[in-house]
Amino acid sequence: MMRLVALALVAACGSTATRGSTIATLRPACSAGQYWDGRACEQAGDAPTKLAAGIKALAAQDLDAAKTQLDAAAQAGPLDHETNVTLWEQRGIAAAYGDDEPGAQRAFDMMLALDPGHFLSYTLSPKATFVFERTRKQAGAPPEVELNWARGGKVGDPVPLDVEVVADPKKFLDRATLFVRTRGDRDWKAADLELHAKDTHLVLPPIAAQKPVSLELYLRAYDTRGNVVLTWADPERPREIALRYEPPAPWYRKWWFYAITGTALAIASSITVYELTIAPPSTIDGMATVK
């Protein structure tokens, strides 16, 4: 079974993969509804339940109850990405219905930062949709993180990655988790990293395999409260790093074979030179005189 064992986290102060690196063991990824608290996977709060109650109250035009439930949902995190987006959407709608246009704009602006392609339902009141459209037209660049790696890697070699914070206009990208597995494996492994530096270097350990393999990966970025604020790929549609396989060289093409052969040839050559130039002859030239 092909397994990833460790991850080298390399500081952004240099481009060399091993400079200033610390080795971190890949941990098992937490299950749905759980979060990593730095030591173990813990059960997340009941934010989805409180959010559903807030949505129900808002549909009934009970703005006070809706705001109470939405505020409670925000405190019951950490929030997954979908819950986080929906929470800010409902906060914006509630503020718009309560004629709080600045509050609605702030909420919709945050929603668009979390999910730039998000749109409100056309069935909502114009009091909400008009504010949303104005906010959308004025929205700035969303946060962005890129993962880059060199193409042409092969099985048995380390796999260096660069995680770059391209944009963070709201300054809420605090840390991230990279999820990795070899294609065909069921379970994901996870590595946690800080996003304070603009560029973070990662080195995945070599993969032991007897055929070409692909690494699957996706990333989640979090704010200081642990809420998911950015997604890069996802478990259903991960990005892949292809690793080619090169069969090992036959024994007679190994370096040690050439070293032994070269040494033997050198010894044989030395013996030949000795025999021809240095070794004493088996007979001695001379003259005998008989008197």
Protein backbone atom coordinates (compact mmCIF):
# COMPACT_ATOMS: atom_id res chain seq x y z
CA MET A 1 0.00 0.00 0.00
CA MET A 2 1.36 3.38 -0.97
CA ARG A 3 1.34 5.80 1.96
CA LEU A 4 2.53 9.30 2.68
CA VAL A 5 4.42 9.41 5.95
CA ALA A 6 5.66 12.95 6.59
CA LEU A 7 5.58 16.49 5.35
CA ALA A 8 8.45 18.96 5.41
CA LEU A 9 7.33 22.49 6.15
CA VAL A 10 9.91 24.94 4.88
CA ALA A 11 10.09 28.58 5.91
CA ALA A 12 9.57 31.21 3.24
CA CYS A 13 13.00 32.72 3.83
CA GLY A 14 14.62 30.63 1.12
CA SER A 15 13.79 28.72 -2.03
CA THR A 16 15.83 25.63 -1.15
CA ALA A 17 13.43 22.88 -0.09
CA THR A 18 15.48 21.76 2.91
CA ARG A 19 16.50 25.16 4.27
CA GLY A 20 15.06 25.79 7.74
CA SER A 21 12.62 22.91 7.38
CA THR A 22 10.75 21.15 10.16
CA ILE A 23 9.28 17.72 9.59
CA ALA A 24 5.61 17.28 10.48
CA THR A 25 3.86 13.94 10.43
CA LEU A 26 0.73 13.86 8.32
CA ARG A 27 -2.23 13.34 10.62
CA PRO A 28 -5.51 11.61 9.73
CA ALA A 29 -8.04 14.10 8.39
CA CYS A 30 -10.99 14.89 10.63
CA SER A 31 -14.41 13.54 9.69
CA ALA A 32 -17.33 15.68 8.50
CA GLY A 33 -18.71 17.74 11.39
CA GLN A 34 -15.35 17.77 13.16
CA TYR A 35 -12.49 20.24 13.33
CA TRP A 36 -8.81 20.08 14.32
CA ASP A 37 -8.06 21.98 17.54
CA GLY A 38 -4.29 21.60 17.24
CA ARG A 39 -4.17 18.35 19.19
CA ALA A 40 -7.11 16.21 18.11
CA CYS A 41 -10.31 16.15 16.08
CA GLU A 42 -13.18 17.68 18.05
CA GLN A 43 -16.90 17.78 17.35
CA ALA A 44 -18.01 21.09 15.85
CA GLY A 45 -20.79 23.11 17.47
CA ASP A 46 -24.45 23.26 16.47
CA ALA A 47 -24.07 26.25 14.13
CA PRO A 48 -26.01 24.55 11.29
CA THR A 49 -29.00 24.00 13.62
CA LYS A 50 -29.01 27.60 14.82
CA LEU A 51 -28.56 28.83 11.25
CA ALA A 52 -31.57 26.80 10.11
CA ALA A 53 -33.62 28.34 12.93
CA GLY A 54 -32.53 31.81 11.85
CA ILE A 55 -33.49 31.13 8.23
CA LYS A 56 -36.91 29.89 9.36
CA ALA A 57 -37.48 33.00 11.51
CA LEU A 58 -36.40 35.27 8.66
CA ALA A 59 -38.83 33.58 6.27
CA ALA A 60 -41.56 34.28 8.84
CA GLN A 61 -40.52 37.96 8.93
CA ASP A 62 -39.53 37.68 12.59
CA LEU A 63 -36.40 39.83 12.34
CA ASP A 64 -35.56 39.90 16.04
CA ALA A 65 -35.69 36.12 16.36
CA ALA A 66 -33.75 35.74 13.10
CA LYS A 67 -30.94 38.03 14.26
CA THR A 68 -30.76 36.24 17.60
CA GLN A 69 -30.39 32.84 15.94
CA LEU A 70 -27.90 34.10 13.36
CA ASP A 71 -25.72 35.67 16.05
CA ALA A 72 -25.88 32.40 17.99
CA ALA A 73 -24.81 30.48 14.87
CA ALA A 74 -21.78 32.73 14.48
CA GLN A 75 -20.71 31.84 18.04
CA ALA A 76 -21.32 28.11 17.62
CA GLY A 77 -18.45 27.52 15.24
CA PRO A 78 -16.01 26.90 13.87
CA LEU A 79 -17.97 27.03 10.64
CA ASP A 80 -17.45 25.02 7.49
CA HIS A 81 -17.36 27.00 4.26
CA GLU A 82 -20.96 26.44 3.21
CA THR A 83 -22.32 27.39 6.63
CA ASN A 84 -20.10 30.46 6.74
CA VAL A 85 -21.31 31.69 3.33
CA THR A 86 -24.96 31.08 4.20
CA LEU A 87 -24.62 32.82 7.56
CA TRP A 88 -23.37 36.05 5.97
CA GLU A 89 -26.01 35.82 3.25
CA GLN A 90 -28.79 35.59 5.85
CA ARG A 91 -27.26 38.36 7.92
CA GLY A 92 -27.30 40.60 4.86
CA ILE A 93 -30.92 39.75 4.07
CA ALA A 94 -31.97 40.36 7.68
CA ALA A 95 -30.22 43.74 7.74
CA ALA A 96 -31.77 44.75 4.42
CA TYR A 97 -35.25 43.77 5.61
CA GLY A 98 -34.66 45.88 8.71
CA ASP A 99 -33.68 48.90 6.57
CA ASP A 100 -30.06 48.70 7.75
CA GLU A 101 -28.41 49.16 4.34
CA PRO A 102 -24.83 49.70 5.66
CA GLY A 103 -25.13 46.51 7.71
CA ALA A 104 -26.51 44.64 4.72
CA GLN A 105 -23.65 45.86 2.52
CA ARG A 106 -21.05 44.73 5.06
CA ALA A 107 -22.63 41.29 5.30
CA PHE A 108 -22.98 40.86 1.54
CA ASP A 109 -19.41 42.07 1.04
CA MET A 110 -18.16 39.39 3.41
CA MET A 111 -20.32 36.79 1.69
CA LEU A 112 -18.81 37.70 -1.69
CA ALA A 113 -15.30 37.53 -0.24
CA LEU A 114 -16.05 33.98 0.89
CA ASP A 115 -17.79 32.99 -2.36
CA PRO A 116 -17.29 35.49 -5.22
CA GLY A 117 -19.71 33.67 -7.51
CA HIS A 118 -22.59 33.63 -5.05
CA PHE A 119 -25.96 35.11 -6.03
CA LEU A 120 -29.15 35.76 -4.08
CA SER A 121 -32.39 34.03 -5.01
CA TYR A 122 -34.49 36.07 -7.44
CA THR A 123 -37.54 35.34 -5.26
CA LEU A 124 -36.27 37.58 -2.45
CA SER A 125 -37.62 41.05 -1.84
CA PRO A 126 -36.00 43.88 -3.85
CA LYS A 127 -35.07 45.38 -0.49
CA ALA A 128 -32.37 42.68 -0.31
CA THR A 129 -31.57 42.08 -3.99
CA PHE A 130 -31.03 45.76 -4.80
CA VAL A 131 -28.56 46.18 -1.95
CA PHE A 132 -26.81 42.99 -2.96
CA GLU A 133 -26.40 44.13 -6.58
CA ARG A 134 -24.90 47.44 -5.51
CA THR A 135 -22.53 45.62 -3.19
CA ARG A 136 -21.54 43.12 -5.86
CA LYS A 137 -20.63 45.87 -8.32
CA GLN A 138 -18.42 47.54 -5.73
CA ALA A 139 -16.79 44.37 -4.40
CA GLY A 140 -13.01 44.22 -4.54
CA ALA A 141 -10.72 41.34 -5.37
CA PRO A 142 -11.44 38.18 -3.38
CA PRO A 143 -8.79 36.38 -1.34
CA GLU A 144 -6.73 33.93 -3.36
CA VAL A 145 -4.26 31.16 -2.61
CA GLU A 146 -2.28 29.26 -5.23
CA LEU A 147 -0.50 25.92 -5.04
CA ASN A 148 2.34 25.31 -7.48
CA TRP A 149 4.63 22.38 -8.10
CA ALA A 150 7.18 21.32 -10.69
CA ARG A 151 5.94 19.00 -13.42
CA GLY A 152 7.72 15.81 -14.35
CA GLY A 153 8.16 14.37 -10.85
CA LYS A 154 8.76 10.67 -10.43
CA VAL A 155 7.99 7.96 -7.93
CA GLY A 156 10.63 7.80 -5.23
CA ASP A 157 11.49 11.51 -5.29
CA PRO A 158 10.29 14.18 -2.82
CA VAL A 159 7.48 16.41 -4.11
CA PRO A 160 8.04 20.11 -3.36
CA LEU A 161 5.04 22.46 -3.28
CA ASP A 162 4.69 26.23 -2.99
CA VAL A 163 1.61 27.66 -1.22
CA GLU A 164 1.33 31.34 -2.13
CA VAL A 165 -1.08 33.90 -0.68
CA VAL A 166 -1.86 35.88 -3.83
CA ALA A 167 -4.46 38.19 -2.27
CA ASP A 168 -5.91 38.68 1.20
CA PRO A 169 -7.76 42.03 1.17
CA LYS A 170 -9.66 41.34 4.40
CA LYS A 171 -6.60 39.93 6.18
CA PHE A 172 -8.49 36.88 7.37
CA LEU A 173 -6.23 34.14 5.99
CA ASP A 174 -4.60 32.89 9.16
CA ARG A 175 -3.75 29.24 8.54
CA ALA A 176 -4.54 26.36 6.22
CA THR A 177 -4.77 22.61 6.05
CA LEU A 178 -3.50 20.66 3.05
CA PHE A 179 -5.25 17.33 2.48
CA VAL A 180 -3.30 14.67 0.58
CA ARG A 181 -3.74 11.07 -0.49
CA THR A 182 -2.50 8.79 -3.24
CA ARG A 183 -5.14 8.19 -5.87
CA GLY A 184 -7.09 5.05 -5.07
CA ASP A 185 -6.74 5.42 -1.30
CA ARG A 186 -9.92 6.03 0.67
CA ASP A 187 -8.59 8.11 3.56
CA TRP A 188 -7.10 11.59 3.46
CA LYS A 189 -4.08 12.76 5.42
CA ALA A 190 -3.72 16.36 6.57
CA ALA A 191 -0.91 18.82 7.23
CA ASP A 192 -1.42 22.17 8.94
CA LEU A 193 0.52 25.30 8.02
CA GLU A 194 0.55 28.99 8.80
CA LEU A 195 -0.38 31.53 6.12
CA HIS A 196 1.22 34.60 7.69
CA ALA A 197 4.09 34.42 5.21
CA LYS A 198 3.38 35.30 1.60
CA ASP A 199 4.94 32.07 0.34
CA THR A 200 5.22 28.77 2.19
CA HIS A 201 7.25 25.85 0.87
CA LEU A 202 6.18 22.26 1.45
CA VAL A 203 7.98 19.04 0.59
CA LEU A 204 5.93 15.88 0.42
CA PRO A 205 7.96 12.74 1.13
CA PRO A 206 8.76 10.21 -1.59
CA ILE A 207 6.12 7.69 -2.59
CA ALA A 208 7.10 4.02 -2.74
CA ALA A 209 5.35 2.33 -5.67
CA GLN A 210 5.98 -0.05 -8.55
CA LYS A 211 3.93 1.92 -11.10
CA PRO A 212 3.01 5.52 -11.98
CA VAL A 213 0.85 7.18 -9.32
CA SER A 214 -0.99 10.45 -8.77
CA LEU A 215 -1.24 12.48 -5.60
CA GLU A 216 -4.64 14.05 -4.95
CA LEU A 217 -4.85 17.22 -2.90
CA TYR A 218 -7.08 20.06 -1.80
CA LEU A 219 -6.74 22.91 0.70
CA ARG A 220 -8.86 24.76 3.24
CA ALA A 221 -7.89 28.16 4.69
CA TYR A 222 -9.18 29.44 8.03
CA ASP A 223 -9.52 32.71 9.92
CA THR A 224 -8.34 33.16 13.50
CA ARG A 225 -11.58 31.62 14.83
CA GLY A 226 -11.17 28.48 12.75
CA ASN A 227 -13.93 29.28 10.25
CA VAL A 228 -13.27 28.14 6.70
CA VAL A 229 -12.84 31.31 4.62
CA LEU A 230 -11.32 29.92 1.40
CA THR A 231 -11.36 26.63 -0.47
CA TRP A 232 -8.90 25.39 -3.08
CA ALA A 233 -10.24 22.33 -4.94
CA ASP A 234 -12.34 19.85 -2.92
CA PRO A 235 -12.48 16.13 -2.02
CA GLU A 236 -14.85 15.36 -4.91
CA ARG A 237 -12.72 17.24 -7.45
CA PRO A 238 -9.16 17.33 -6.11
CA ARG A 239 -6.14 18.51 -8.04
CA GLU A 240 -3.62 15.86 -9.05
CA ILE A 241 0.14 15.61 -9.23
CA ALA A 242 1.23 12.88 -11.63
CA LEU A 243 4.41 10.97 -10.78
CA ARG A 244 6.05 8.85 -13.44
CA TYR A 245 7.64 5.52 -12.66
CA GLU A 246 11.14 4.57 -13.76
CA PRO A 247 12.05 0.90 -13.28
CA PRO A 248 15.26 0.37 -11.32
CA ALA A 249 18.39 -0.24 -13.37
CA PRO A 250 19.54 -3.90 -13.75
CA TRP A 251 22.20 -5.00 -11.29
CA TYR A 252 24.89 -4.88 -13.97
CA ARG A 253 24.12 -1.19 -14.52
CA LYS A 254 24.32 -0.21 -10.88
CA TRP A 255 27.06 2.17 -9.77
CA TRP A 256 28.57 -0.42 -7.44
CA PHE A 257 28.92 -2.89 -10.31
CA TYR A 258 30.91 -0.36 -12.30
CA ALA A 259 32.94 0.52 -9.24
CA ILE A 260 33.86 -3.12 -8.60
CA THR A 261 34.52 -3.76 -12.28
CA GLY A 262 36.66 -0.65 -12.56
CA THR A 263 38.66 -1.62 -9.48
CA ALA A 264 39.21 -5.13 -10.81
CA LEU A 265 40.38 -3.76 -14.17
CA ALA A 266 42.68 -1.33 -12.44
CA ILE A 267 44.22 -4.13 -10.38
CA ALA A 268 44.63 -6.33 -13.47
CA SER A 269 46.24 -3.46 -15.36
CA SER A 270 48.64 -2.82 -12.49
CA ILE A 271 49.67 -6.46 -12.41
CA THR A 272 50.31 -6.41 -16.17
CA VAL A 273 52.44 -3.27 -15.96
CA TYR A 274 54.36 -4.77 -13.05
CA GLU A 275 54.98 -7.96 -14.94
CA LEU A 276 56.23 -6.09 -18.01
CA THR A 277 58.26 -3.33 -16.40
CA ILE A 278 59.11 -3.96 -12.77
CA ALA A 279 59.03 -7.69 -11.95
CA PRO A 280 62.51 -9.40 -11.92
CA PRO A 281 63.18 -11.71 -14.92
CA SER A 282 63.04 -15.48 -14.52
CA THR A 283 66.57 -15.78 -16.14
CA ILE A 284 69.77 -13.74 -15.67
CA ASP A 285 71.94 -12.66 -18.61
CA GLY A 286 75.67 -13.51 -18.24
CA MET A 287 78.84 -15.23 -19.69
CA ALA A 288 80.66 -18.31 -18.39
CA THR A 289 84.38 -18.85 -19.24
CA VAL A 290 85.96 -22.34 -19.01
CA LYS A 291 89.70 -22.47 -18.42
